[in-house]
């Protein structure tokens, strides 16, 4: 009889142990391992954020910041549920919707499937933008404050690209034939000849007239109005021009099926956008700076507790 009872008890213990492990397996990722200002952080969320930020000493600060921002988002009713479970549900739904759209050949923006790390960051970053709009009334600024901010950040944010005017020798080659390499080699030999002539003291204007296809001077201006296109489409040309002072001549630059050498003939530096044209951007950056100060002050007062090993 005792043996039967013993076997029954052991069997019950095994069942209970297995059930516990199964339940624990289901809930493991959702178990709170830390708390920020009373708001729990689940194990899955903690490890997600910790691995995203390279497990360095600043990871805890990032985790605290994100959770504090989420708490404020909840207070401003930008999101109802900031738990990890709610995020996972939203993440799975988003990927399911994307899968269905791909299947139906409907347009989608971004990847066909999000990773958990990417979607968490994407979601949080967009909510922060919405939060900034909600809390910006906290950071009212009059013209005096905005102007003071503009002056303090003038070099960093409101400086125009230098005005640089150059003359150019440009030797192009055709790249739509089987003899591409031969054409390129001829062009390279020609630009080297032009460079040598300039180095030996020949007037740059004469070299332009002798080597440019149009047999005339070729000029180009780099300034604030061309900056976006220059840094997007002709980076190597712009970088070279930016490094030239008046009277200096560049090395040979390869750009868009052509070789180029440039001479800087005019340069104007340290120009700034006026306060009037910069006021909108200055106000925006001022409020972003004040928001950062606000979050940092909350971080300094935040209560952060590790409950158990993540």
Protein backbone atom coordinates (compact mmCIF):
# COMPACT_ATOMS: atom_id res chain seq x y z
CA UNK A 1 0.00 0.00 0.00
CA UNK A 2 2.80 2.39 0.97
CA UNK A 3 4.53 1.73 -2.34
CA UNK A 4 1.32 2.60 -4.25
CA UNK A 5 0.98 5.87 -2.32
CA UNK A 6 4.64 6.66 -2.91
CA UNK A 7 4.30 6.02 -6.65
CA UNK A 8 1.15 8.16 -6.78
CA UNK A 9 2.85 11.03 -4.93
CA UNK A 10 5.92 10.84 -7.18
CA UNK A 11 3.70 10.82 -10.28
CA UNK A 12 1.81 13.86 -8.98
CA UNK A 13 5.08 15.67 -8.30
CA UNK A 14 6.28 14.90 -11.82
CA UNK A 15 3.00 16.23 -13.29
CA UNK A 16 3.26 19.37 -11.16
CA UNK A 17 6.90 19.88 -12.14
CA UNK A 18 6.18 19.45 -15.84
CA UNK A 19 3.17 21.79 -15.60
CA UNK A 20 5.29 24.37 -13.79
CA UNK A 21 7.99 24.19 -16.45
CA UNK A 22 5.43 24.50 -19.25
CA UNK A 23 3.77 27.49 -17.60
CA UNK A 24 7.16 29.00 -16.83
CA UNK A 25 8.20 28.47 -20.46
CA UNK A 26 5.11 30.34 -21.69
CA UNK A 27 5.47 33.17 -19.18
CA UNK A 28 9.28 33.32 -19.06
CA UNK A 29 9.61 36.15 -21.59
CA UNK A 30 6.79 38.12 -19.96
CA UNK A 31 8.01 37.84 -16.38
CA UNK A 32 8.96 41.22 -14.88
CA UNK A 33 12.69 41.40 -14.24
CA UNK A 34 12.97 45.14 -13.52
CA UNK A 35 10.80 48.11 -12.58
CA UNK A 36 11.08 51.80 -13.54
CA UNK A 37 8.93 54.14 -11.47
CA UNK A 38 6.55 51.26 -10.77
CA UNK A 39 6.27 50.21 -14.43
CA UNK A 40 7.45 46.61 -14.98
CA UNK A 41 9.92 45.61 -17.68
CA UNK A 42 9.47 42.06 -18.95
CA UNK A 43 12.42 39.77 -19.49
CA UNK A 44 11.89 39.71 -23.25
CA UNK A 45 11.80 43.50 -23.45
CA UNK A 46 14.80 43.91 -21.15
CA UNK A 47 16.94 41.49 -23.18
CA UNK A 48 15.74 43.03 -26.44
CA UNK A 49 16.84 46.50 -25.36
CA UNK A 50 20.02 45.28 -23.70
CA UNK A 51 21.20 43.44 -26.82
CA UNK A 52 20.18 46.34 -29.07
CA UNK A 53 22.50 48.66 -27.18
CA UNK A 54 25.50 46.32 -27.21
CA UNK A 55 25.29 45.33 -23.55
CA UNK A 56 27.49 48.24 -22.46
CA UNK A 57 27.39 50.27 -19.28
CA UNK A 58 24.97 52.75 -20.83
CA UNK A 59 22.36 50.09 -21.64
CA UNK A 60 20.61 50.56 -18.28
CA UNK A 61 20.32 54.31 -18.95
CA UNK A 62 18.77 53.63 -22.34
CA UNK A 63 16.31 51.13 -20.88
CA UNK A 64 15.31 53.60 -18.15
CA UNK A 65 14.90 56.40 -20.68
CA UNK A 66 12.71 54.37 -23.01
CA UNK A 67 10.45 53.23 -20.20
CA UNK A 68 10.16 56.78 -18.79
CA UNK A 69 9.23 58.10 -22.24
CA UNK A 70 6.65 55.33 -22.55
CA UNK A 71 5.16 56.27 -19.17
CA UNK A 72 4.78 59.88 -20.36
CA UNK A 73 3.24 58.65 -23.64
CA UNK A 74 0.68 56.73 -21.62
CA UNK A 75 -0.07 59.82 -19.50
CA UNK A 76 -0.70 61.82 -22.67
CA UNK A 77 -2.88 58.99 -24.05
CA UNK A 78 -0.62 58.38 -27.04
CA UNK A 79 -0.67 54.68 -26.17
CA UNK A 80 -2.94 52.69 -23.85
CA UNK A 81 -0.70 49.74 -23.01
CA UNK A 82 3.10 50.00 -22.74
CA UNK A 83 3.67 46.40 -21.66
CA UNK A 84 5.91 44.00 -23.56
CA UNK A 85 2.90 41.75 -24.18
CA UNK A 86 1.09 44.59 -25.98
CA UNK A 87 4.17 45.25 -28.09
CA UNK A 88 4.54 41.57 -29.08
CA UNK A 89 0.86 41.45 -30.05
CA UNK A 90 1.25 44.58 -32.18
CA UNK A 91 4.51 43.28 -33.70
CA UNK A 92 2.94 39.97 -34.74
CA UNK A 93 -0.13 41.71 -36.18
CA UNK A 94 2.04 44.10 -38.21
CA UNK A 95 4.07 41.26 -39.73
CA UNK A 96 0.91 39.25 -40.43
CA UNK A 97 -0.61 42.25 -42.23
CA UNK A 98 2.57 42.66 -44.27
CA UNK A 99 2.60 38.98 -45.17
CA UNK A 100 -0.99 39.21 -46.40
CA UNK A 101 -0.23 42.33 -48.46
CA UNK A 102 2.77 40.63 -50.09
CA UNK A 103 0.60 37.61 -50.87
CA UNK A 104 -2.03 39.88 -52.47
CA UNK A 105 0.71 41.88 -54.26
CA UNK A 106 -0.33 45.06 -52.49
CA UNK A 107 2.24 47.83 -51.92
CA UNK A 108 4.02 47.98 -48.56
CA UNK A 109 6.55 50.47 -47.24
CA UNK A 110 9.72 49.16 -45.64
CA UNK A 111 10.71 45.49 -45.31
CA UNK A 112 8.38 42.58 -46.01
CA UNK A 113 8.87 41.46 -42.39
CA UNK A 114 10.13 43.46 -39.42
CA UNK A 115 12.57 42.07 -36.91
CA UNK A 116 11.54 42.54 -33.29
CA UNK A 117 14.46 44.92 -32.61
CA UNK A 118 13.78 47.08 -35.67
CA UNK A 119 10.03 47.30 -35.06
CA UNK A 120 10.49 48.21 -31.38
CA UNK A 121 12.82 51.09 -32.33
CA UNK A 122 10.61 52.18 -35.24
CA UNK A 123 7.51 52.25 -33.05
CA UNK A 124 9.22 54.07 -30.18
CA UNK A 125 10.92 56.67 -32.39
CA UNK A 126 7.61 57.57 -34.05
CA UNK A 127 5.87 57.83 -30.71
CA UNK A 128 8.61 60.14 -29.43
CA UNK A 129 7.94 62.48 -32.38
CA UNK A 130 4.25 62.52 -31.43
CA UNK A 131 5.17 63.05 -27.76
CA UNK A 132 7.32 66.07 -28.63
CA UNK A 133 4.29 67.69 -30.24
CA UNK A 134 2.20 66.95 -27.16
CA UNK A 135 4.61 68.36 -24.59
CA UNK A 136 6.01 71.30 -26.57
CA UNK A 137 3.71 73.75 -24.74
CA UNK A 138 5.85 73.05 -21.68
CA UNK A 139 8.75 74.69 -23.47
CA UNK A 140 7.34 78.07 -24.55
CA UNK A 141 10.00 80.50 -25.78
CA UNK A 142 9.74 84.18 -26.70
CA UNK A 143 11.84 85.91 -29.37
CA UNK A 144 14.54 86.84 -26.86
CA UNK A 145 15.04 83.20 -25.83
CA UNK A 146 14.93 81.95 -29.42
CA UNK A 147 17.46 84.56 -30.56
CA UNK A 148 19.76 83.68 -27.65
CA UNK A 149 19.56 80.00 -28.67
CA UNK A 150 20.22 80.95 -32.31
CA UNK A 151 23.34 82.91 -31.34
CA UNK A 152 24.64 80.11 -29.10
CA UNK A 153 24.23 77.51 -31.88
CA UNK A 154 25.14 79.72 -34.83
CA UNK A 155 28.32 77.87 -35.85
CA UNK A 156 26.82 74.46 -35.19
CA UNK A 157 23.41 74.78 -36.85
CA UNK A 158 22.99 77.98 -38.84
CA UNK A 159 26.20 78.36 -40.80
CA UNK A 160 25.89 78.39 -44.57
CA UNK A 161 28.04 76.28 -46.83
CA UNK A 162 31.06 78.28 -48.00
CA UNK A 163 30.74 80.02 -51.36
CA UNK A 164 33.37 78.45 -53.63
CA UNK A 165 33.81 79.35 -57.30
CA UNK A 166 36.12 77.17 -59.38
CA UNK A 167 37.39 76.86 -62.92
CA UNK A 168 37.57 73.36 -64.34
CA UNK A 169 39.43 71.28 -66.86
CA UNK A 170 37.18 68.37 -67.74
CA UNK A 171 38.04 65.41 -69.96
CA UNK A 172 35.17 62.95 -70.50
CA UNK A 173 35.03 59.54 -72.13
CA UNK A 174 32.24 57.54 -73.70
CA UNK A 175 31.15 54.55 -71.66
CA UNK A 176 28.70 52.87 -74.02
CA UNK A 177 31.02 50.76 -76.11
CA UNK A 178 33.25 47.70 -75.87
CA UNK A 179 36.28 49.99 -75.81
CA UNK A 180 35.41 51.61 -72.46
CA UNK A 181 38.79 50.87 -70.90
CA UNK A 182 40.67 52.23 -73.92
CA UNK A 183 38.58 55.44 -73.95
CA UNK A 184 39.08 55.89 -70.22
CA UNK A 185 42.84 55.39 -70.51
CA UNK A 186 43.02 58.03 -73.25
CA UNK A 187 41.02 60.47 -71.11
CA UNK A 188 43.24 59.79 -68.10
CA UNK A 189 46.39 60.40 -70.14
CA UNK A 190 44.93 63.68 -71.41
CA UNK A 191 43.97 64.99 -67.93
CA UNK A 192 47.45 64.07 -66.65
CA UNK A 193 48.89 66.12 -69.48
CA UNK A 194 46.69 69.05 -68.48
CA UNK A 195 47.69 68.69 -64.84
CA UNK A 196 51.37 68.65 -65.78
CA UNK A 197 50.96 71.84 -67.85
CA UNK A 198 49.35 73.64 -64.91
CA UNK A 199 52.01 72.37 -62.50
CA UNK A 200 54.73 73.69 -64.82
CA UNK A 201 53.20 77.16 -64.67
CA UNK A 202 50.96 77.38 -67.73
CA UNK A 203 47.98 79.69 -67.22
CA UNK A 204 44.90 77.72 -66.08
CA UNK A 205 42.64 79.59 -68.51
CA UNK A 206 44.89 78.55 -71.39
CA UNK A 207 44.83 74.93 -70.24
CA UNK A 208 41.03 75.03 -70.09
CA UNK A 209 40.86 76.39 -73.63
CA UNK A 210 43.26 73.73 -74.85
CA UNK A 211 41.74 70.67 -73.16
CA UNK A 212 38.02 71.32 -72.61
CA UNK A 213 35.74 69.96 -75.33
CA UNK A 214 34.11 73.37 -75.81
CA UNK A 215 37.59 74.98 -75.98
CA UNK A 216 36.52 77.60 -73.45
CA UNK A 217 36.61 78.24 -69.69
CA UNK A 218 34.35 76.05 -67.57
CA UNK A 219 33.21 77.39 -64.20
CA UNK A 220 31.25 75.94 -61.31
CA UNK A 221 29.88 77.41 -58.07
CA UNK A 222 29.44 75.45 -54.83
CA UNK A 223 27.38 77.26 -52.20
CA UNK A 224 24.44 76.92 -49.81
CA UNK A 225 21.90 76.67 -52.64
CA UNK A 226 23.71 73.71 -54.25
CA UNK A 227 24.83 72.01 -51.01
CA UNK A 228 22.17 69.25 -50.92
CA UNK A 229 22.78 68.14 -54.49
CA UNK A 230 26.56 68.51 -54.14
CA UNK A 231 26.69 66.24 -51.10
CA UNK A 232 24.27 63.77 -52.61
CA UNK A 233 25.28 63.42 -56.25
CA UNK A 234 28.83 64.77 -56.58
CA UNK A 235 30.45 64.13 -53.23
CA UNK A 236 34.02 63.64 -54.52
CA UNK A 237 33.89 66.89 -56.52
CA UNK A 238 32.45 68.85 -53.60
CA UNK A 239 34.95 67.46 -51.09
CA UNK A 240 37.82 68.42 -53.34
CA UNK A 241 36.45 71.95 -53.90
CA UNK A 242 35.87 72.40 -50.17
CA UNK A 243 39.53 71.66 -49.52
CA UNK A 244 40.78 74.40 -51.84
CA UNK A 245 41.77 77.93 -50.88
CA UNK A 246 41.78 80.74 -53.45
CA UNK A 247 44.45 80.12 -56.11
CA UNK A 248 44.93 76.43 -55.23
CA UNK A 249 44.57 73.63 -57.77
CA UNK A 250 43.06 70.24 -57.04
CA UNK A 251 44.39 66.79 -57.71
CA UNK A 252 42.78 64.79 -60.55
CA UNK A 253 39.22 63.76 -59.66
CA UNK A 254 37.24 61.01 -61.35
CA UNK A 255 33.51 61.76 -61.52
CA UNK A 256 30.66 60.59 -63.76
CA UNK A 257 32.67 59.25 -66.73
CA UNK A 258 35.09 62.18 -66.66
CA UNK A 259 38.35 63.35 -65.12
CA UNK A 260 38.47 66.84 -63.63
CA UNK A 261 40.99 69.27 -62.18
CA UNK A 262 39.82 72.48 -60.51
CA UNK A 263 41.26 75.85 -59.57
CA UNK A 264 39.61 77.88 -56.82
CA UNK A 265 39.20 81.48 -58.01
CA UNK A 266 36.92 82.78 -55.25
CA UNK A 267 35.99 81.68 -51.75
CA UNK A 268 33.77 83.32 -49.12
CA UNK A 269 33.61 81.69 -45.67
CA UNK A 270 31.70 82.07 -42.39
CA UNK A 271 28.36 83.18 -43.75
CA UNK A 272 25.27 82.56 -41.63
CA UNK A 273 21.56 82.22 -42.23
CA UNK A 274 19.80 85.24 -40.76
CA UNK A 275 17.78 84.94 -37.57
CA UNK A 276 14.61 85.70 -39.53
CA UNK A 277 15.08 82.80 -41.95
CA UNK A 278 16.30 80.51 -39.15
CA UNK A 279 13.68 81.35 -36.52
CA UNK A 280 11.43 78.34 -37.21
CA UNK A 281 14.30 75.86 -37.10
CA UNK A 282 15.80 77.58 -34.04
CA UNK A 283 12.50 77.26 -32.16
CA UNK A 284 12.21 73.58 -33.14
CA UNK A 285 15.75 72.81 -31.99
CA UNK A 286 15.23 74.85 -28.80
CA UNK A 287 12.17 72.77 -27.88
CA UNK A 288 14.04 69.55 -28.65
CA UNK A 289 16.86 70.67 -26.35
CA UNK A 290 14.37 71.53 -23.59
CA UNK A 291 12.67 68.16 -24.06
CA UNK A 292 16.07 66.49 -23.62
CA UNK A 293 16.66 68.45 -20.40
CA UNK A 294 13.19 67.41 -19.19
CA UNK A 295 13.85 63.72 -19.84
CA UNK A 296 17.30 63.89 -18.23
CA UNK A 297 15.77 65.47 -15.10
CA UNK A 298 13.26 62.61 -14.91
CA UNK A 299 16.05 60.07 -15.39
CA UNK A 300 17.98 61.54 -12.49
CA UNK A 301 14.94 61.06 -10.19
CA UNK A 302 13.83 57.71 -11.62
CA UNK A 303 13.54 54.65 -9.37
CA UNK A 304 15.06 51.68 -11.16
CA UNK A 305 15.07 48.24 -9.57
CA UNK A 306 16.29 44.89 -10.86
CA UNK A 307 13.91 42.24 -9.51
CA UNK A 308 15.58 39.10 -10.74
CA UNK A 309 18.18 37.87 -13.19
CA UNK A 310 17.14 38.66 -16.77
